[in-house]
PDB file of N, CA and C in Angstrom:
ATOM      1  N   MET A   1    -209.346-139.418  -0.756  1.00  0.00           N
ATOM      2  CA  MET A   1    -208.435-139.292  -1.868  1.00  0.00           C
ATOM      3  C   MET A   1    -208.987-140.007  -3.110  1.00  0.00           C
ATOM      4  N   VAL A   2    -209.721-141.079  -2.878  1.00  0.00           N
ATOM      5  CA  VAL A   2    -210.359-141.775  -3.993  1.00  0.00           C
ATOM      6  C   VAL A   2    -211.345-140.839  -4.686  1.00  0.00           C
ATOM      7  N   GLU A   3    -212.045-140.038  -3.904  1.00  0.00           N
ATOM      8  CA  GLU A   3    -212.982-139.068  -4.478  1.00  0.00           C
ATOM      9  C   GLU A   3    -212.251-138.039  -5.330  1.00  0.00           C
ATOM     10  N   VAL A   4    -211.072-137.636  -4.906  1.00  0.00           N
ATOM     11  CA  VAL A   4    -210.285-136.676  -5.694  1.00  0.00           C
ATOM     12  C   VAL A   4    -209.976-137.282  -7.060  1.00  0.00           C
ATOM     13  N   LEU A   5    -209.566-138.556  -7.068  1.00  0.00           N
ATOM     14  CA  LEU A   5    -209.262-139.212  -8.339  1.00  0.00           C
ATOM     15  C   LEU A   5    -210.500-139.320  -9.219  1.00  0.00           C
ATOM     16  N   LYS A   6    -211.633-139.642  -8.598  1.00  0.00           N
ATOM     17  CA  LYS A   6    -212.879-139.709  -9.374  1.00  0.00           C
ATOM     18  C   LYS A   6    -213.210-138.349  -9.970  1.00  0.00           C
ATOM     19  N   ASP A   7    -213.058-137.298  -9.169  1.00  0.00           N
ATOM     20  CA  ASP A   7    -213.339-135.945  -9.650  1.00  0.00           C
ATOM     21  C   ASP A   7    -212.455-135.579 -10.844  1.00  0.00           C
ATOM     22  N   GLU A   8    -211.235-136.088 -10.827  1.00  0.00           N
ATOM     23  CA  GLU A   8    -210.289-135.769 -11.897  1.00  0.00           C
ATOM     24  C   GLU A   8    -210.274-136.837 -12.991  1.00  0.00           C
ATOM     25  N   ASP A   9    -211.216-137.769 -12.916  1.00  0.00           N
ATOM     26  CA  ASP A   9    -211.379-138.805 -13.948  1.00  0.00           C
ATOM     27  C   ASP A   9    -210.107-139.641 -14.138  1.00  0.00           C
ATOM     28  N   LEU A  10    -209.473-140.014 -13.016  1.00  0.00           N
ATOM     29  CA  LEU A  10    -208.291-140.865 -13.034  1.00  0.00           C
ATOM     30  C   LEU A  10    -208.531-142.083 -12.150  1.00  0.00           C
ATOM     31  N   SER A  11    -208.123-143.243 -12.609  1.00  0.00           N
ATOM     32  CA  SER A  11    -208.176-144.428 -11.755  1.00  0.00           C
ATOM     33  C   SER A  11    -206.952-144.396 -10.847  1.00  0.00           C
ATOM     34  N   PRO A  12    -207.017-145.065  -9.696  1.00  0.00           N
ATOM     35  CA  PRO A  12    -205.827-145.123  -8.838  1.00  0.00           C
ATOM     36  C   PRO A  12    -204.620-145.692  -9.579  1.00  0.00           C
ATOM     37  N   GLN A  13    -204.864-146.704 -10.414  1.00  0.00           N
ATOM     38  CA  GLN A  13    -203.773-147.313 -11.171  1.00  0.00           C
ATOM     39  C   GLN A  13    -203.143-146.307 -12.141  1.00  0.00           C
ATOM     40  N   ARG A  14    -203.984-145.564 -12.854  1.00  0.00           N
ATOM     41  CA  ARG A  14    -203.461-144.594 -13.822  1.00  0.00           C
ATOM     42  C   ARG A  14    -202.731-143.461 -13.111  1.00  0.00           C
ATOM     43  N   PHE A  15    -203.265-143.024 -11.991  1.00  0.00           N
ATOM     44  CA  PHE A  15    -202.603-141.984 -11.202  1.00  0.00           C
ATOM     45  C   PHE A  15    -201.203-142.443 -10.807  1.00  0.00           C
ATOM     46  N   GLN A  16    -201.110-143.688 -10.360  1.00  0.00           N
ATOM     47  CA  GLN A  16    -199.818-144.242  -9.947  1.00  0.00           C
ATOM     48  C   GLN A  16    -198.868-144.353 -11.144  1.00  0.00           C
ATOM     49  N   GLU A  17    -199.376-144.807 -12.296  1.00  0.00           N
ATOM     50  CA  GLU A  17    -198.544-144.915 -13.499  1.00  0.00           C
ATOM     51  C   GLU A  17    -197.958-143.560 -13.892  1.00  0.00           C
ATOM     52  N   ILE A  18    -198.808-142.543 -13.887  1.00  0.00           N
ATOM     53  CA  ILE A  18    -198.341-141.203 -14.260  1.00  0.00           C
ATOM     54  C   ILE A  18    -197.316-140.711 -13.250  1.00  0.00           C
ATOM     55  N   GLY A  19    -197.585-140.925 -11.973  1.00  0.00           N
ATOM     56  CA  GLY A  19    -196.642-140.512 -10.937  1.00  0.00           C
ATOM     57  C   GLY A  19    -195.298-141.201 -11.073  1.00  0.00           C
ATOM     58  N   GLN A  20    -195.313-142.498 -11.370  1.00  0.00           N
ATOM     59  CA  GLN A  20    -194.063-143.229 -11.547  1.00  0.00           C
ATOM     60  C   GLN A  20    -193.297-142.727 -12.759  1.00  0.00           C
ATOM     61  N   GLN A  21    -194.008-142.451 -13.824  1.00  0.00           N
ATOM     62  CA  GLN A  21    -193.350-141.951 -15.030  1.00  0.00           C
ATOM     63  C   GLN A  21    -192.757-140.570 -14.791  1.00  0.00           C
ATOM     64  N   ARG A  22    -193.472-139.752 -14.033  1.00  0.00           N
ATOM     65  CA  ARG A  22    -192.949-138.403 -13.738  1.00  0.00           C
ATOM     66  C   ARG A  22    -191.699-138.472 -12.887  1.00  0.00           C
ATOM     67  N   SER A  23    -191.651-139.432 -11.946  1.00  0.00           N
ATOM     68  CA  SER A  23    -190.476-139.521 -11.087  1.00  0.00           C
ATOM     69  C   SER A  23    -189.319-140.239 -11.776  1.00  0.00           C
ATOM     70  N   ASN A  24    -189.618-140.999 -12.836  1.00  0.00           N
ATOM     71  CA  ASN A  24    -188.575-141.709 -13.574  1.00  0.00           C
ATOM     72  C   ASN A  24    -188.910-141.685 -15.065  1.00  0.00           C
ATOM     73  N   PRO A  25    -188.689-140.557 -15.734  1.00  0.00           N
ATOM     74  CA  PRO A  25    -189.088-140.409 -17.140  1.00  0.00           C
ATOM     75  C   PRO A  25    -188.367-141.357 -18.093  1.00  0.00           C
ATOM     76  N   ASP A  26    -187.221-141.885 -17.691  1.00  0.00           N
ATOM     77  CA  ASP A  26    -186.454-142.781 -18.556  1.00  0.00           C
ATOM     78  C   ASP A  26    -186.845-144.239 -18.376  1.00  0.00           C
ATOM     79  N   SER A  27    -187.887-144.488 -17.616  1.00  0.00           N
ATOM     80  CA  SER A  27    -188.341-145.848 -17.350  1.00  0.00           C
ATOM     81  C   SER A  27    -188.736-146.547 -18.648  1.00  0.00           C
ATOM     82  N   SER A  28    -188.457-147.840 -18.700  1.00  0.00           N
ATOM     83  CA  SER A  28    -188.800-148.623 -19.894  1.00  0.00           C
ATOM     84  C   SER A  28    -190.298-148.895 -19.986  1.00  0.00           C
ATOM     85  N   THR A  29    -191.031-148.635 -18.908  1.00  0.00           N
ATOM     86  CA  THR A  29    -192.478-148.877 -18.897  1.00  0.00           C
ATOM     87  C   THR A  29    -193.262-147.590 -19.137  1.00  0.00           C
ATOM     88  N   SER A  30    -192.646-146.653 -19.818  1.00  0.00           N
ATOM     89  CA  SER A  30    -193.300-145.371 -20.077  1.00  0.00           C
ATOM     90  C   SER A  30    -194.545-145.559 -20.933  1.00  0.00           C
ATOM     91  N   THR A  31    -195.589-144.887 -20.524  1.00  0.00           N
ATOM     92  CA  THR A  31    -196.808-144.861 -21.310  1.00  0.00           C
ATOM     93  C   THR A  31    -197.080-143.418 -21.698  1.00  0.00           C
ATOM     94  N   GLU A  32    -197.811-143.237 -22.758  1.00  0.00           N
ATOM     95  CA  GLU A  32    -198.131-141.897 -23.245  1.00  0.00           C
ATOM     96  C   GLU A  32    -199.088-141.207 -22.269  1.00  0.00           C
ATOM     97  N   ILE A  33    -198.773-139.975 -21.926  1.00  0.00           N
ATOM     98  CA  ILE A  33    -199.624-139.175 -21.047  1.00  0.00           C
ATOM     99  C   ILE A  33    -200.125-137.991 -21.858  1.00  0.00           C
ATOM    100  N   SER A  34    -201.439-137.915 -21.989  1.00  0.00           N
ATOM    101  CA  SER A  34    -202.007-136.802 -22.758  1.00  0.00           C
ATOM    102  C   SER A  34    -201.921-135.522 -21.927  1.00  0.00           C
ATOM    103  N   PRO A  35    -201.946-134.371 -22.570  1.00  0.00           N
ATOM    104  CA  PRO A  35    -201.938-133.112 -21.814  1.00  0.00           C
ATOM    105  C   PRO A  35    -203.113-133.024 -20.834  1.00  0.00           C
ATOM    106  N   LYS A  36    -204.266-133.555 -21.235  1.00  0.00           N
ATOM    107  CA  LYS A  36    -205.427-133.525 -20.352  1.00  0.00           C
ATOM    108  C   LYS A  36    -205.195-134.404 -19.121  1.00  0.00           C
ATOM    109  N   GLU A  37    -204.615-135.593 -19.331  1.00  0.00           N
ATOM    110  CA  GLU A  37    -204.298-136.466 -18.196  1.00  0.00           C
ATOM    111  C   GLU A  37    -203.288-135.795 -17.272  1.00  0.00           C
ATOM    112  N   GLN A  38    -202.297-135.131 -17.854  1.00  0.00           N
ATOM    113  CA  GLN A  38    -201.285-134.436 -17.053  1.00  0.00           C
ATOM    114  C   GLN A  38    -201.945-133.355 -16.194  1.00  0.00           C
ATOM    115  N   GLU A  39    -202.871-132.632 -16.788  1.00  0.00           N
ATOM    116  CA  GLU A  39    -203.585-131.584 -16.054  1.00  0.00           C
ATOM    117  C   GLU A  39    -204.396-132.184 -14.900  1.00  0.00           C
ATOM    118  N   HIS A  40    -205.103-133.278 -15.179  1.00  0.00           N
ATOM    119  CA  HIS A  40    -205.893-133.946 -14.146  1.00  0.00           C
ATOM    120  C   HIS A  40    -204.992-134.488 -13.046  1.00  0.00           C
ATOM    121  N   PHE A  41    -203.853-135.056 -13.432  1.00  0.00           N
ATOM    122  CA  PHE A  41    -202.898-135.575 -12.449  1.00  0.00           C
ATOM    123  C   PHE A  41    -202.406-134.456 -11.542  1.00  0.00           C
ATOM    124  N   ASP A  42    -202.002-133.342 -12.137  1.00  0.00           N
ATOM    125  CA  ASP A  42    -201.482-132.214 -11.353  1.00  0.00           C
ATOM    126  C   ASP A  42    -202.523-131.692 -10.363  1.00  0.00           C
ATOM    127  N   LYS A  43    -203.768-131.569 -10.816  1.00  0.00           N
ATOM    128  CA  LYS A  43    -204.836-131.097  -9.930  1.00  0.00           C
ATOM    129  C   LYS A  43    -205.075-132.091  -8.797  1.00  0.00           C
ATOM    130  N   ALA A  44    -205.130-133.383  -9.139  1.00  0.00           N
ATOM    131  CA  ALA A  44    -205.371-134.410  -8.124  1.00  0.00           C
ATOM    132  C   ALA A  44    -204.231-134.430  -7.118  1.00  0.00           C
ATOM    133  N   LEU A  45    -203.007-134.351  -7.593  1.00  0.00           N
ATOM    134  CA  LEU A  45    -201.842-134.380  -6.704  1.00  0.00           C
ATOM    135  C   LEU A  45    -201.871-133.200  -5.732  1.00  0.00           C
ATOM    136  N   ALA A  46    -202.180-132.017  -6.234  1.00  0.00           N
ATOM    137  CA  ALA A  46    -202.243-130.830  -5.369  1.00  0.00           C
ATOM    138  C   ALA A  46    -203.324-130.986  -4.307  1.00  0.00           C
ATOM    139  N   ARG A  47    -204.484-131.491  -4.707  1.00  0.00           N
ATOM    140  CA  ARG A  47    -205.576-131.680  -3.735  1.00  0.00           C
ATOM    141  C   ARG A  47    -205.215-132.738  -2.700  1.00  0.00           C
ATOM    142  N   MET A  48    -204.563-133.812  -3.140  1.00  0.00           N
ATOM    143  CA  MET A  48    -204.176-134.877  -2.205  1.00  0.00           C
ATOM    144  C   MET A  48    -203.136-134.381  -1.209  1.00  0.00           C
ATOM    145  N   GLN A  49    -202.209-133.580  -1.668  1.00  0.00           N
ATOM    146  CA  GLN A  49    -201.203-133.029  -0.766  1.00  0.00           C
ATOM    147  C   GLN A  49    -201.861-132.141   0.286  1.00  0.00           C
ATOM    148  N   THR A  50    -202.854-131.367  -0.103  1.00  0.00           N
ATOM    149  CA  THR A  50    -203.585-130.532   0.843  1.00  0.00           C
ATOM    150  C   THR A  50    -204.311-131.392   1.870  1.00  0.00           C
ATOM    151  N   ILE A  51    -204.958-132.450   1.402  1.00  0.00           N
ATOM    152  CA  ILE A  51    -205.665-133.363   2.312  1.00  0.00           C
ATOM    153  C   ILE A  51    -204.693-133.958   3.318  1.00  0.00           C
ATOM    154  N   GLN A  52    -203.531-134.403   2.847  1.00  0.00           N
ATOM    155  CA  GLN A  52    -202.541-134.998   3.742  1.00  0.00           C
ATOM    156  C   GLN A  52    -202.047-133.986   4.768  1.00  0.00           C
ATOM    157  N   GLU A  53    -201.758-132.774   4.318  1.00  0.00           N
ATOM    158  CA  GLU A  53    -201.274-131.738   5.227  1.00  0.00           C
ATOM    159  C   GLU A  53    -202.309-131.413   6.304  1.00  0.00           C
ATOM    160  N   GLU A  54    -203.577-131.378   5.916  1.00  0.00           N
ATOM    161  CA  GLU A  54    -204.639-131.064   6.865  1.00  0.00           C
ATOM    162  C   GLU A  54    -204.932-132.222   7.813  1.00  0.00           C
ATOM    163  N   SER A  55    -204.639-133.442   7.375  1.00  0.00           N
ATOM    164  CA  SER A  55    -204.986-134.603   8.200  1.00  0.00           C
ATOM    165  C   SER A  55    -203.955-134.895   9.281  1.00  0.00           C
ATOM    166  N   VAL A  56    -202.722-134.451   9.118  1.00  0.00           N
ATOM    167  CA  VAL A  56    -201.671-134.766  10.092  1.00  0.00           C
ATOM    168  C   VAL A  56    -202.027-134.291  11.502  1.00  0.00           C
ATOM    169  N   PRO A  57    -202.437-133.031  11.695  1.00  0.00           N
ATOM    170  CA  PRO A  57    -202.788-132.611  13.060  1.00  0.00           C
ATOM    171  C   PRO A  57    -203.966-133.417  13.628  1.00  0.00           C
ATOM    172  N   LYS A  58    -204.928-133.768  12.783  1.00  0.00           N
ATOM    173  CA  LYS A  58    -206.073-134.558  13.236  1.00  0.00           C
ATOM    174  C   LYS A  58    -205.630-135.950  13.665  1.00  0.00           C
ATOM    175  N   GLN A  59    -204.714-136.533  12.892  1.00  0.00           N
ATOM    176  CA  GLN A  59    -204.204-137.864  13.239  1.00  0.00           C
ATOM    177  C   GLN A  59    -203.445-137.824  14.562  1.00  0.00           C
ATOM    178  N   ARG A  60    -202.611-136.831  14.732  1.00  0.00           N
ATOM    179  CA  ARG A  60    -201.845-136.704  15.982  1.00  0.00           C
ATOM    180  C   ARG A  60    -202.775-136.519  17.180  1.00  0.00           C
ATOM    181  N   ARG A  61    -203.799-135.719  16.995  1.00  0.00           N
ATOM    182  CA  ARG A  61    -204.758-135.485  18.071  1.00  0.00           C
ATOM    183  C   ARG A  61    -205.484-136.784  18.420  1.00  0.00           C
ATOM    184  N   ALA A  62    -205.882-137.554  17.413  1.00  0.00           N
ATOM    185  CA  ALA A  62    -206.571-138.828  17.651  1.00  0.00           C
ATOM    186  C   ALA A  62    -205.661-139.806  18.390  1.00  0.00           C
ATOM    187  N   ILE A  63    -204.390-139.827  18.040  1.00  0.00           N
ATOM    188  CA  ILE A  63    -203.435-140.722  18.698  1.00  0.00           C
ATOM    189  C   ILE A  63    -203.271-140.334  20.162  1.00  0.00           C
ATOM    190  N   THR A  64    -203.079-139.049  20.413  1.00  0.00           N
ATOM    191  CA  THR A  64    -202.870-138.618  21.802  1.00  0.00           C
ATOM    192  C   THR A  64    -204.129-138.768  22.652  1.00  0.00           C
ATOM    193  N   LEU A  65    -205.295-138.635  22.041  1.00  0.00           N
ATOM    194  CA  LEU A  65    -206.543-138.838  22.783  1.00  0.00           C
ATOM    195  C   LEU A  65    -206.692-140.292  23.241  1.00  0.00           C
ATOM    196  N   GLN A  66    -205.997-141.207  22.573  1.00  0.00           N
ATOM    197  CA  GLN A  66    -206.014-142.610  22.973  1.00  0.00           C
ATOM    198  C   GLN A  66    -204.917-142.925  23.992  1.00  0.00           C
ATOM    199  N   GLY A  67    -204.175-141.891  24.411  1.00  0.00           N
ATOM    200  CA  GLY A  67    -203.145-142.075  25.428  1.00  0.00           C
ATOM    201  C   GLY A  67    -201.810-142.552  24.889  1.00  0.00           C
ATOM    202  N   LEU A  68    -201.599-142.394  23.601  1.00  0.00           N
ATOM    203  CA  LEU A  68    -200.340-142.829  22.988  1.00  0.00           C
ATOM    204  C   LEU A  68    -199.535-141.623  22.522  1.00  0.00           C
ATOM    205  N   THR A  69    -198.241-141.839  22.366  1.00  0.00           N
ATOM    206  CA  THR A  69    -197.423-140.850  21.668  1.00  0.00           C
ATOM    207  C   THR A  69    -197.375-141.264  20.199  1.00  0.00           C
ATOM    208  N   VAL A  70    -197.047-140.325  19.343  1.00  0.00           N
ATOM    209  CA  VAL A  70    -196.945-140.629  17.917  1.00  0.00           C
ATOM    210  C   VAL A  70    -195.856-141.685  17.706  1.00  0.00           C
ATOM    211  N   GLU A  71    -194.764-141.553  18.450  1.00  0.00           N
ATOM    212  CA  GLU A  71    -193.668-142.524  18.328  1.00  0.00           C
ATOM    213  C   GLU A  71    -194.140-143.937  18.683  1.00  0.00           C
ATOM    214  N   ARG A  72    -194.880-144.067  19.777  1.00  0.00           N
ATOM    215  CA  ARG A  72    -195.371-145.386  20.186  1.00  0.00           C
ATOM    216  C   ARG A  72    -196.372-145.929  19.163  1.00  0.00           C
ATOM    217  N   PHE A  73    -197.214-145.072  18.636  1.00  0.00           N
ATOM    218  CA  PHE A  73    -198.168-145.490  17.612  1.00  0.00           C
ATOM    219  C   PHE A  73    -197.434-146.044  16.395  1.00  0.00           C
ATOM    220  N   ARG A  74    -196.372-145.365  15.981  1.00  0.00           N
ATOM    221  CA  ARG A  74    -195.604-145.826  14.817  1.00  0.00           C
ATOM    222  C   ARG A  74    -194.910-147.161  15.100  1.00  0.00           C
ATOM    223  N   GLN A  75    -194.451-147.343  16.329  1.00  0.00           N
ATOM    224  CA  GLN A  75    -193.851-148.627  16.690  1.00  0.00           C
ATOM    225  C   GLN A  75    -194.883-149.752  16.569  1.00  0.00           C
ATOM    226  N   ILE A  76    -196.068-149.508  17.072  1.00  0.00           N
ATOM    227  CA  ILE A  76    -197.145-150.502  16.993  1.00  0.00           C
ATOM    228  C   ILE A  76    -197.498-150.756  15.530  1.00  0.00           C
ATOM    229  N   GLU A  77    -197.575-149.701  14.760  1.00  0.00           N
ATOM    230  CA  GLU A  77    -197.911-149.814  13.339  1.00  0.00           C
ATOM    231  C   GLU A  77    -196.885-150.687  12.606  1.00  0.00           C
ATOM    232  N   GLN A  78    -195.610-150.535  12.928  1.00  0.00           N
ATOM    233  CA  GLN A  78    -194.565-151.339  12.296  1.00  0.00           C
ATOM    234  C   GLN A  78    -194.705-152.817  12.662  1.00  0.00           C
ATOM    235  N   VAL A  79    -194.983-153.095  13.919  1.00  0.00           N
ATOM    236  CA  VAL A  79    -195.150-154.485  14.351  1.00  0.00           C
ATOM    237  C   VAL A  79    -196.344-155.114  13.639  1.00  0.00           C
ATOM    238  N   VAL A  80    -197.443-154.387  13.584  1.00  0.00           N
ATOM    239  CA  VAL A  80    -198.654-154.903  12.937  1.00  0.00           C
ATOM    240  C   VAL A  80    -198.396-155.158  11.456  1.00  0.00           C
ATOM    241  N   SER A  81    -197.697-154.256  10.795  1.00  0.00           N
ATOM    242  CA  SER A  81    -197.461-154.406   9.351  1.00  0.00           C
ATOM    243  C   SER A  81    -196.598-155.620   9.027  1.00  0.00           C
ATOM    244  N   LYS A  82    -195.801-156.081   9.976  1.00  0.00           N
ATOM    245  CA  LYS A  82    -194.929-157.235   9.750  1.00  0.00           C
ATOM    246  C   LYS A  82    -195.586-158.562  10.110  1.00  0.00           C
ATOM    247  N   SER A  83    -196.759-158.509  10.722  1.00  0.00           N
ATOM    248  CA  SER A  83    -197.426-159.729  11.166  1.00  0.00           C
ATOM    249  C   SER A  83    -198.765-159.904  10.447  1.00  0.00           C
ATOM    250  N   PRO A  84    -198.870-160.902   9.572  1.00  0.00           N
ATOM    251  CA  PRO A  84    -200.144-161.127   8.883  1.00  0.00           C
ATOM    252  C   PRO A  84    -201.302-161.371   9.861  1.00  0.00           C
ATOM    253  N   THR A  85    -201.028-162.059  10.957  1.00  0.00           N
ATOM    254  CA  THR A  85    -202.080-162.342  11.940  1.00  0.00           C
ATOM    255  C   THR A  85    -202.581-161.052  12.585  1.00  0.00           C
ATOM    256  N   LEU A  86    -201.664-160.221  13.035  1.00  0.00           N
ATOM    257  CA  LEU A  86    -202.064-158.950  13.650  1.00  0.00           C
ATOM    258  C   LEU A  86    -202.741-158.040  12.631  1.00  0.00           C
ATOM    259  N   LYS A  87    -202.218-158.027  11.416  1.00  0.00           N
ATOM    260  CA  LYS A  87    -202.811-157.197  10.362  1.00  0.00           C
ATOM    261  C   LYS A  87    -204.270-157.601  10.142  1.00  0.00           C
ATOM    262  N   GLN A  88    -204.523-158.912  10.108  1.00  0.00           N
ATOM    263  CA  GLN A  88    -205.888-159.406   9.911  1.00  0.00           C
ATOM    264  C   GLN A  88    -206.784-159.026  11.092  1.00  0.00           C
ATOM    265  N   GLN A  89    -206.243-159.116  12.306  1.00  0.00           N
ATOM    266  CA  GLN A  89    -207.028-158.753  13.495  1.00  0.00           C
ATOM    267  C   GLN A  89    -207.407-157.272  13.462  1.00  0.00           C
ATOM    268  N   VAL A  90    -206.472-156.425  13.047  1.00  0.00           N
ATOM    269  CA  VAL A  90    -206.750-154.995  12.961  1.00  0.00           C
ATOM    270  C   VAL A  90    -207.827-154.744  11.905  1.00  0.00           C
ATOM    271  N   GLN A  91    -207.692-155.388  10.747  1.00  0.00           N
ATOM    272  CA  GLN A  91    -208.675-155.195   9.686  1.00  0.00           C
ATOM    273  C   GLN A  91    -210.051-155.691  10.103  1.00  0.00           C
ATOM    274  N   ASN A  92    -210.101-156.777  10.855  1.00  0.00           N
ATOM    275  CA  ASN A  92    -211.376-157.325  11.319  1.00  0.00           C
ATOM    276  C   ASN A  92    -212.035-156.455  12.382  1.00  0.00           C
ATOM    277  N   SER A  93    -211.255-155.606  13.044  1.00  0.00           N
ATOM    278  CA  SER A  93    -211.814-154.769  14.105  1.00  0.00           C
ATOM    279  C   SER A  93    -212.603-153.583  13.543  1.00  0.00           C
ATOM    280  N   PHE A  94    -212.486-153.353  12.253  1.00  0.00           N
ATOM    281  CA  PHE A  94    -213.230-152.249  11.639  1.00  0.00           C
ATOM    282  C   PHE A  94    -214.472-152.798  11.093  1.00  0.00           C
TER     283      PHE A  94
END
């Protein structure tokens, strides 16, 4: 997804700013979005949505190949996200 943003000449921060403004146009932190930036944002968003849609079956397959259900994987993911120690151990394993 980072490559998609690079291709569309958007930083992750700018992509997020534009997305937030689009979802809340009355926000007090509105910044000017040029038509070109809007076009790049729309293209990047469409490509990212496609990537996400295509990755879901692959993720499910990887989870089940490890002998887990998606539900159990999500339970583990929630526990890890709440524990700084476990989060660090997971990050160190890569």
